[in-house]
Amino acid sequence: MKKYFALIITAIIVLTCFTACKPKVKGGGIVSDAASNHYAAVTKENGGIVRDEAGNLVVLVTDANGRNVKDDNGEYETKAVALEHALVIGDRIECPRFSLVIPNGWSDKMSFADLIITRDGTKDVVKISATEEKTPIELTEEKVKALNNIKSLYPGSVSGASEVSIRDDIKGEFSYVYVADTGARDEDLNVLSSYVGFIIFRNGATVYSCMITSDRDMTDQIDEIVDILGTMEFIGE
């Protein structure tokens, strides 16, 4: 019995220590990425992060105890840090080149190098990546080649391609393949389908690839995906 109570007391002490040691900053909040890196970020009223003109993350300078440091004028000291991975802050996902408000009915899915969201209760997944190393034509050709490989493996698949309007000034190339029957079955012997689609578009010097995957035909939902892409806020472009 004594050992039992000792364990309870120890647990309470540990919990209290963690609570007491949690960093408290003013003028911002502690945000973390998928790699458990922590930032004392300056935040906006709408929940977004503050960036400088170069798109760097503006963070609060803190001391060894996690408390704000003030400059000679008595203002909270800040510094700029390069944002290298996605940060999820409430319903916003902040990436190095862009940010996105997570749509209703969707959730973040461990965004890090890329932004990844999934529709709740489904296998619908949208992954957005950015590059300056390839042109839209090069990236489109690369994705179409991958889709053609799928088509060659499944002769009964359905495919298509079309132009879509992300915004009035941004057009994208959409292509997809849908395999109604992959030949695989789940534990209840239900037919397993597969859908893979890409939307490639450019904004400024950056080329974006939006990959759409699901276990159902998503062709009729592409307008919704395009609308989601239309809410992206681009950084420094």
C-alpha atoms as a PDB file:
ATOM      1  CA  MET A   1       0.000   0.000   0.000  1.00  0.00           C
ATOM      2  CA  LYS A   2       2.842   2.404   0.856  1.00  0.00           C
ATOM      3  CA  LYS A   3       4.494   1.700  -2.492  1.00  0.00           C
ATOM      4  CA  TYR A   4       1.161   2.375  -4.234  1.00  0.00           C
ATOM      5  CA  PHE A   5       0.798   5.801  -2.630  1.00  0.00           C
ATOM      6  CA  ALA A   6       4.458   6.560  -3.281  1.00  0.00           C
ATOM      7  CA  LEU A   7       3.904   5.970  -6.991  1.00  0.00           C
ATOM      8  CA  ILE A   8       0.900   8.295  -7.003  1.00  0.00           C
ATOM      9  CA  ILE A   9       2.860  11.033  -5.233  1.00  0.00           C
ATOM     10  CA  THR A  10       5.774  10.621  -7.670  1.00  0.00           C
ATOM     11  CA  ALA A  11       3.417  10.912 -10.626  1.00  0.00           C
ATOM     12  CA  ILE A  12       1.893  14.099  -9.199  1.00  0.00           C
ATOM     13  CA  ILE A  13       5.347  15.618  -8.665  1.00  0.00           C
ATOM     14  CA  VAL A  14       6.436  14.786 -12.231  1.00  0.00           C
ATOM     15  CA  LEU A  15       3.208  16.218 -13.673  1.00  0.00           C
ATOM     16  CA  THR A  16       3.643  19.398 -11.614  1.00  0.00           C
ATOM     17  CA  CYS A  17       7.210  19.820 -12.813  1.00  0.00           C
ATOM     18  CA  PHE A  18       6.201  19.520 -16.458  1.00  0.00           C
ATOM     19  CA  THR A  19       3.403  22.038 -15.945  1.00  0.00           C
ATOM     20  CA  ALA A  20       5.684  24.485 -14.168  1.00  0.00           C
ATOM     21  CA  CYS A  21       8.425  24.151 -16.773  1.00  0.00           C
ATOM     22  CA  LYS A  22       6.140  24.738 -19.771  1.00  0.00           C
ATOM     23  CA  PRO A  23       7.461  27.854 -21.536  1.00  0.00           C
ATOM     24  CA  LYS A  24       5.245  30.926 -21.191  1.00  0.00           C
ATOM     25  CA  VAL A  25       5.796  33.644 -23.774  1.00  0.00           C
ATOM     26  CA  LYS A  26       3.962  36.904 -24.346  1.00  0.00           C
ATOM     27  CA  GLY A  27       3.158  38.231 -27.797  1.00  0.00           C
ATOM     28  CA  GLY A  28       3.093  34.803 -29.390  1.00  0.00           C
ATOM     29  CA  GLY A  29       2.895  31.111 -28.697  1.00  0.00           C
ATOM     30  CA  ILE A  30       4.881  27.895 -28.805  1.00  0.00           C
ATOM     31  CA  VAL A  31       4.337  26.059 -32.109  1.00  0.00           C
ATOM     32  CA  SER A  32       5.791  22.724 -33.160  1.00  0.00           C
ATOM     33  CA  ASP A  33       6.403  20.923 -36.430  1.00  0.00           C
ATOM     34  CA  ALA A  34       6.114  17.195 -37.166  1.00  0.00           C
ATOM     35  CA  ALA A  35       9.756  16.706 -36.107  1.00  0.00           C
ATOM     36  CA  SER A  36       8.955  18.125 -32.645  1.00  0.00           C
ATOM     37  CA  ASN A  37      10.974  21.300 -33.243  1.00  0.00           C
ATOM     38  CA  HIS A  38       9.535  24.081 -31.058  1.00  0.00           C
ATOM     39  CA  TYR A  39       9.338  27.774 -31.939  1.00  0.00           C
ATOM     40  CA  ALA A  40       8.256  30.740 -29.810  1.00  0.00           C
ATOM     41  CA  ALA A  41       6.535  32.272 -32.816  1.00  0.00           C
ATOM     42  CA  VAL A  42       5.001  35.727 -33.028  1.00  0.00           C
ATOM     43  CA  THR A  43       1.394  35.101 -34.032  1.00  0.00           C
ATOM     44  CA  LYS A  44      -1.377  37.162 -35.613  1.00  0.00           C
ATOM     45  CA  GLU A  45      -4.871  37.618 -34.234  1.00  0.00           C
ATOM     46  CA  ASN A  46      -6.207  35.171 -36.842  1.00  0.00           C
ATOM     47  CA  GLY A  47      -3.792  32.509 -35.626  1.00  0.00           C
ATOM     48  CA  GLY A  48      -1.245  32.805 -38.432  1.00  0.00           C
ATOM     49  CA  ILE A  49       2.455  33.369 -37.885  1.00  0.00           C
ATOM     50  CA  VAL A  50       4.301  36.622 -38.516  1.00  0.00           C
ATOM     51  CA  ARG A  51       6.958  36.586 -41.238  1.00  0.00           C
ATOM     52  CA  ASP A  52       9.503  39.100 -42.445  1.00  0.00           C
ATOM     53  CA  GLU A  53       9.775  40.317 -46.051  1.00  0.00           C
ATOM     54  CA  ALA A  54      11.869  37.267 -46.982  1.00  0.00           C
ATOM     55  CA  GLY A  55       9.254  34.879 -45.615  1.00  0.00           C
ATOM     56  CA  ASN A  56      11.287  33.943 -42.551  1.00  0.00           C
ATOM     57  CA  LEU A  57       9.494  33.035 -39.342  1.00  0.00           C
ATOM     58  CA  VAL A  58       9.598  35.826 -36.730  1.00  0.00           C
ATOM     59  CA  VAL A  59      10.202  34.299 -33.310  1.00  0.00           C
ATOM     60  CA  LEU A  60      10.440  35.738 -29.819  1.00  0.00           C
ATOM     61  CA  VAL A  61      13.833  35.605 -28.131  1.00  0.00           C
ATOM     62  CA  THR A  62      13.548  33.699 -24.846  1.00  0.00           C
ATOM     63  CA  ASP A  63      15.931  32.990 -22.006  1.00  0.00           C
ATOM     64  CA  ALA A  64      16.971  29.609 -20.590  1.00  0.00           C
ATOM     65  CA  ASN A  65      13.695  29.440 -18.667  1.00  0.00           C
ATOM     66  CA  GLY A  66      11.567  30.081 -21.755  1.00  0.00           C
ATOM     67  CA  ARG A  67      10.634  33.642 -20.771  1.00  0.00           C
ATOM     68  CA  ASN A  68      10.634  36.652 -23.069  1.00  0.00           C
ATOM     69  CA  VAL A  69      13.787  38.740 -23.428  1.00  0.00           C
ATOM     70  CA  LYS A  70      13.365  42.503 -23.788  1.00  0.00           C
ATOM     71  CA  ASP A  71      15.575  44.834 -25.799  1.00  0.00           C
ATOM     72  CA  ASP A  72      16.995  48.200 -24.671  1.00  0.00           C
ATOM     73  CA  ASN A  73      13.663  49.876 -25.420  1.00  0.00           C
ATOM     74  CA  GLY A  74      11.734  47.481 -23.223  1.00  0.00           C
ATOM     75  CA  GLU A  75      10.134  45.737 -26.215  1.00  0.00           C
ATOM     76  CA  TYR A  76      10.042  41.973 -26.607  1.00  0.00           C
ATOM     77  CA  GLU A  77      13.083  40.991 -28.657  1.00  0.00           C
ATOM     78  CA  THR A  78      12.507  39.040 -31.871  1.00  0.00           C
ATOM     79  CA  LYS A  79      14.630  37.445 -34.557  1.00  0.00           C
ATOM     80  CA  ALA A  80      14.033  35.867 -37.963  1.00  0.00           C
ATOM     81  CA  VAL A  81      14.412  32.134 -38.489  1.00  0.00           C
ATOM     82  CA  ALA A  82      14.250  30.387 -41.853  1.00  0.00           C
ATOM     83  CA  LEU A  83      11.083  28.304 -42.071  1.00  0.00           C
ATOM     84  CA  GLU A  84      12.186  24.973 -43.537  1.00  0.00           C
ATOM     85  CA  HIS A  85       9.184  22.766 -42.785  1.00  0.00           C
ATOM     86  CA  ALA A  86       5.436  23.011 -42.361  1.00  0.00           C
ATOM     87  CA  LEU A  87       4.052  24.370 -39.107  1.00  0.00           C
ATOM     88  CA  VAL A  88       0.481  23.607 -38.058  1.00  0.00           C
ATOM     89  CA  ILE A  89      -1.079  26.382 -35.989  1.00  0.00           C
ATOM     90  CA  GLY A  90      -4.720  25.765 -35.174  1.00  0.00           C
ATOM     91  CA  ASP A  91      -6.511  25.456 -38.504  1.00  0.00           C
ATOM     92  CA  ARG A  92      -3.613  26.933 -40.490  1.00  0.00           C
ATOM     93  CA  ILE A  93      -0.670  25.162 -42.110  1.00  0.00           C
ATOM     94  CA  GLU A  94       2.316  27.431 -42.708  1.00  0.00           C
ATOM     95  CA  CYS A  95       4.917  26.280 -45.251  1.00  0.00           C
ATOM     96  CA  PRO A  96       8.099  28.009 -46.473  1.00  0.00           C
ATOM     97  CA  ARG A  97       6.484  29.323 -49.681  1.00  0.00           C
ATOM     98  CA  PHE A  98       2.777  29.363 -48.853  1.00  0.00           C
ATOM     99  CA  SER A  99       0.111  28.882 -46.208  1.00  0.00           C
ATOM    100  CA  LEU A 100      -3.337  27.310 -46.207  1.00  0.00           C
ATOM    101  CA  VAL A 101      -6.354  27.297 -43.914  1.00  0.00           C
ATOM    102  CA  ILE A 102      -7.449  23.682 -43.408  1.00  0.00           C
ATOM    103  CA  PRO A 103     -10.910  23.374 -45.002  1.00  0.00           C
ATOM    104  CA  ASN A 104     -13.920  22.283 -42.963  1.00  0.00           C
ATOM    105  CA  GLY A 105     -14.189  18.501 -42.940  1.00  0.00           C
ATOM    106  CA  TRP A 106     -10.442  18.052 -43.524  1.00  0.00           C
ATOM    107  CA  SER A 107      -7.512  17.538 -41.130  1.00  0.00           C
ATOM    108  CA  ASP A 108      -3.751  17.854 -41.214  1.00  0.00           C
ATOM    109  CA  LYS A 109      -1.936  14.573 -41.845  1.00  0.00           C
ATOM    110  CA  MET A 110       1.577  15.119 -40.442  1.00  0.00           C
ATOM    111  CA  SER A 111       2.531  17.921 -42.836  1.00  0.00           C
ATOM    112  CA  PHE A 112       6.298  18.436 -42.833  1.00  0.00           C
ATOM    113  CA  ALA A 113       8.282  18.616 -46.078  1.00  0.00           C
ATOM    114  CA  ASP A 114       4.945  18.806 -47.911  1.00  0.00           C
ATOM    115  CA  LEU A 115       1.497  19.999 -46.899  1.00  0.00           C
ATOM    116  CA  ILE A 116      -0.779  16.976 -46.458  1.00  0.00           C
ATOM    117  CA  ILE A 117      -4.460  17.023 -45.566  1.00  0.00           C
ATOM    118  CA  THR A 118      -7.047  14.249 -45.512  1.00  0.00           C
ATOM    119  CA  ARG A 119     -10.817  14.375 -45.689  1.00  0.00           C
ATOM    120  CA  ASP A 120     -12.244  13.196 -42.372  1.00  0.00           C
ATOM    121  CA  GLY A 121     -13.593   9.643 -42.417  1.00  0.00           C
ATOM    122  CA  THR A 122     -12.279   8.901 -45.914  1.00  0.00           C
ATOM    123  CA  LYS A 123      -9.112   7.874 -47.757  1.00  0.00           C
ATOM    124  CA  ASP A 124      -9.100  11.162 -49.714  1.00  0.00           C
ATOM    125  CA  VAL A 125      -5.644  12.746 -49.418  1.00  0.00           C
ATOM    126  CA  VAL A 126      -4.253  15.970 -50.892  1.00  0.00           C
ATOM    127  CA  LYS A 127      -0.504  16.585 -50.856  1.00  0.00           C
ATOM    128  CA  ILE A 128       0.933  19.927 -51.989  1.00  0.00           C
ATOM    129  CA  SER A 129       4.640  20.300 -52.700  1.00  0.00           C
ATOM    130  CA  ALA A 130       6.691  23.164 -54.138  1.00  0.00           C
ATOM    131  CA  THR A 131       9.857  23.356 -56.215  1.00  0.00           C
ATOM    132  CA  GLU A 132      11.936  25.853 -58.142  1.00  0.00           C
ATOM    133  CA  GLU A 133      14.029  23.150 -59.787  1.00  0.00           C
ATOM    134  CA  LYS A 134      11.547  22.183 -62.539  1.00  0.00           C
ATOM    135  CA  THR A 135       9.289  23.948 -64.995  1.00  0.00           C
ATOM    136  CA  PRO A 136       5.544  23.223 -65.123  1.00  0.00           C
ATOM    137  CA  ILE A 137       6.057  21.318 -68.376  1.00  0.00           C
ATOM    138  CA  GLU A 138       8.838  19.168 -66.901  1.00  0.00           C
ATOM    139  CA  LEU A 139       6.829  18.396 -63.790  1.00  0.00           C
ATOM    140  CA  THR A 140       3.678  17.651 -65.770  1.00  0.00           C
ATOM    141  CA  GLU A 141       5.568  15.283 -68.062  1.00  0.00           C
ATOM    142  CA  GLU A 142       7.011  13.520 -65.020  1.00  0.00           C
ATOM    143  CA  LYS A 143       3.581  13.020 -63.449  1.00  0.00           C
ATOM    144  CA  VAL A 144       1.934  11.964 -66.708  1.00  0.00           C
ATOM    145  CA  LYS A 145       4.648   9.337 -67.140  1.00  0.00           C
ATOM    146  CA  ALA A 146       3.819   7.961 -63.694  1.00  0.00           C
ATOM    147  CA  LEU A 147       0.104   7.889 -64.560  1.00  0.00           C
ATOM    148  CA  ASN A 148       0.840   6.130 -67.856  1.00  0.00           C
ATOM    149  CA  ASN A 149       2.707   3.452 -65.934  1.00  0.00           C
ATOM    150  CA  ILE A 150      -0.423   2.843 -63.876  1.00  0.00           C
ATOM    151  CA  LYS A 151      -2.537   2.718 -67.038  1.00  0.00           C
ATOM    152  CA  SER A 152      -0.224   0.122 -68.557  1.00  0.00           C
ATOM    153  CA  LEU A 153      -0.594  -2.059 -65.461  1.00  0.00           C
ATOM    154  CA  TYR A 154      -4.395  -1.733 -65.448  1.00  0.00           C
ATOM    155  CA  PRO A 155      -5.749  -1.666 -69.043  1.00  0.00           C
ATOM    156  CA  GLY A 156      -9.302  -1.150 -67.749  1.00  0.00           C
ATOM    157  CA  SER A 157      -8.429   2.087 -65.974  1.00  0.00           C
ATOM    158  CA  VAL A 158     -10.039   5.437 -66.748  1.00  0.00           C
ATOM    159  CA  SER A 159      -7.907   8.539 -67.323  1.00  0.00           C
ATOM    160  CA  GLY A 160      -8.224  12.135 -68.384  1.00  0.00           C
ATOM    161  CA  ALA A 161      -6.613  15.555 -68.492  1.00  0.00           C
ATOM    162  CA  SER A 162      -7.830  19.143 -68.566  1.00  0.00           C
ATOM    163  CA  GLU A 163      -6.911  22.717 -67.670  1.00  0.00           C
ATOM    164  CA  VAL A 164      -8.204  24.127 -64.370  1.00  0.00           C
ATOM    165  CA  SER A 165      -8.296  27.667 -62.982  1.00  0.00           C
ATOM    166  CA  ILE A 166      -6.727  27.992 -59.539  1.00  0.00           C
ATOM    167  CA  ARG A 167      -7.280  31.764 -59.656  1.00  0.00           C
ATOM    168  CA  ASP A 168      -7.953  34.222 -62.464  1.00  0.00           C
ATOM    169  CA  ASP A 169      -4.200  34.606 -62.909  1.00  0.00           C
ATOM    170  CA  ILE A 170      -3.163  31.001 -62.209  1.00  0.00           C
ATOM    171  CA  LYS A 171      -3.980  28.083 -64.487  1.00  0.00           C
ATOM    172  CA  GLY A 172      -3.144  24.467 -63.755  1.00  0.00           C
ATOM    173  CA  GLU A 173      -2.839  21.210 -65.660  1.00  0.00           C
ATOM    174  CA  PHE A 174      -4.935  18.401 -64.205  1.00  0.00           C
ATOM    175  CA  SER A 175      -4.458  14.713 -65.064  1.00  0.00           C
ATOM    176  CA  TYR A 176      -5.622  11.520 -63.380  1.00  0.00           C
ATOM    177  CA  VAL A 177      -6.028   7.754 -63.518  1.00  0.00           C
ATOM    178  CA  TYR A 178      -8.787   5.785 -61.790  1.00  0.00           C
ATOM    179  CA  VAL A 179      -8.613   2.017 -61.380  1.00  0.00           C
ATOM    180  CA  ALA A 180     -12.032   0.676 -60.395  1.00  0.00           C
ATOM    181  CA  ASP A 181     -10.704  -2.798 -59.615  1.00  0.00           C
ATOM    182  CA  THR A 182      -7.074  -3.164 -58.586  1.00  0.00           C
ATOM    183  CA  GLY A 183      -7.455  -6.910 -58.180  1.00  0.00           C
ATOM    184  CA  ALA A 184      -6.990  -6.573 -54.437  1.00  0.00           C
ATOM    185  CA  ARG A 185      -9.713  -7.195 -51.848  1.00  0.00           C
ATOM    186  CA  ASP A 186     -10.192  -6.096 -48.250  1.00  0.00           C
ATOM    187  CA  GLU A 187     -10.912  -8.482 -45.370  1.00  0.00           C
ATOM    188  CA  ASP A 188     -14.597  -8.526 -46.345  1.00  0.00           C
ATOM    189  CA  LEU A 189     -13.682  -9.323 -49.963  1.00  0.00           C
ATOM    190  CA  ASN A 190     -14.790  -5.900 -51.178  1.00  0.00           C
ATOM    191  CA  VAL A 191     -13.199  -4.616 -54.376  1.00  0.00           C
ATOM    192  CA  LEU A 192     -10.371  -2.139 -53.740  1.00  0.00           C
ATOM    193  CA  SER A 193     -10.176   0.822 -56.117  1.00  0.00           C
ATOM    194  CA  SER A 194      -7.427   3.405 -56.561  1.00  0.00           C
ATOM    195  CA  TYR A 195      -7.357   7.012 -57.737  1.00  0.00           C
ATOM    196  CA  VAL A 196      -4.270   9.139 -58.454  1.00  0.00           C
ATOM    197  CA  GLY A 197      -4.415  12.663 -59.838  1.00  0.00           C
ATOM    198  CA  PHE A 198      -2.126  15.680 -60.178  1.00  0.00           C
ATOM    199  CA  ILE A 199      -2.657  19.405 -60.584  1.00  0.00           C
ATOM    200  CA  ILE A 200       0.475  21.276 -61.662  1.00  0.00           C
ATOM    201  CA  PHE A 201       0.636  25.068 -61.604  1.00  0.00           C
ATOM    202  CA  ARG A 202       3.068  27.948 -61.252  1.00  0.00           C
ATOM    203  CA  ASN A 203       3.040  31.046 -59.079  1.00  0.00           C
ATOM    204  CA  GLY A 204       6.009  33.355 -59.506  1.00  0.00           C
ATOM    205  CA  ALA A 205       9.211  31.330 -59.641  1.00  0.00           C
ATOM    206  CA  THR A 206       7.703  28.374 -57.802  1.00  0.00           C
ATOM    207  CA  VAL A 207       6.022  25.363 -59.400  1.00  0.00           C
ATOM    208  CA  TYR A 208       3.456  23.521 -57.304  1.00  0.00           C
ATOM    209  CA  SER A 209       2.314  19.926 -57.493  1.00  0.00           C
ATOM    210  CA  CYS A 210      -0.973  18.899 -55.901  1.00  0.00           C
ATOM    211  CA  MET A 211      -1.317  15.134 -55.687  1.00  0.00           C
ATOM    212  CA  ILE A 212      -4.779  13.677 -55.039  1.00  0.00           C
ATOM    213  CA  THR A 213      -5.163  10.056 -53.960  1.00  0.00           C
ATOM    214  CA  SER A 214      -8.142   8.018 -52.791  1.00  0.00           C
ATOM    215  CA  ASP A 215      -9.798   4.621 -52.839  1.00  0.00           C
ATOM    216  CA  ARG A 216     -12.674   6.064 -54.899  1.00  0.00           C
ATOM    217  CA  ASP A 217     -13.160   8.063 -58.076  1.00  0.00           C
ATOM    218  CA  MET A 218     -12.382  11.696 -57.198  1.00  0.00           C
ATOM    219  CA  THR A 219     -12.995  13.179 -60.629  1.00  0.00           C
ATOM    220  CA  ASP A 220     -16.289  14.795 -59.586  1.00  0.00           C
ATOM    221  CA  GLN A 221     -14.590  16.359 -56.548  1.00  0.00           C
ATOM    222  CA  ILE A 222     -11.827  18.136 -58.470  1.00  0.00           C
ATOM    223  CA  ASP A 223     -13.663  21.476 -58.414  1.00  0.00           C
ATOM    224  CA  GLU A 224     -13.571  21.285 -54.609  1.00  0.00           C
ATOM    225  CA  ILE A 225      -9.833  20.550 -54.662  1.00  0.00           C
ATOM    226  CA  VAL A 226      -9.260  23.465 -57.035  1.00  0.00           C
ATOM    227  CA  ASP A 227     -11.218  25.730 -54.674  1.00  0.00           C
ATOM    228  CA  ILE A 228      -8.964  24.614 -51.802  1.00  0.00           C
ATOM    229  CA  LEU A 229      -5.880  25.468 -53.860  1.00  0.00           C
ATOM    230  CA  GLY A 230      -7.422  28.852 -54.587  1.00  0.00           C
ATOM    231  CA  THR A 231      -7.267  29.718 -50.876  1.00  0.00           C
ATOM    232  CA  MET A 232      -3.482  29.341 -50.718  1.00  0.00           C
ATOM    233  CA  GLU A 233      -1.598  32.451 -49.577  1.00  0.00           C
ATOM    234  CA  PHE A 234       1.741  32.721 -51.320  1.00  0.00           C
ATOM    235  CA  ILE A 235       4.769  34.093 -49.468  1.00  0.00           C
ATOM    236  CA  GLY A 236       7.048  36.647 -51.102  1.00  0.00           C
ATOM    237  CA  GLU A 237       5.711  36.141 -54.641  1.00  0.00           C
END
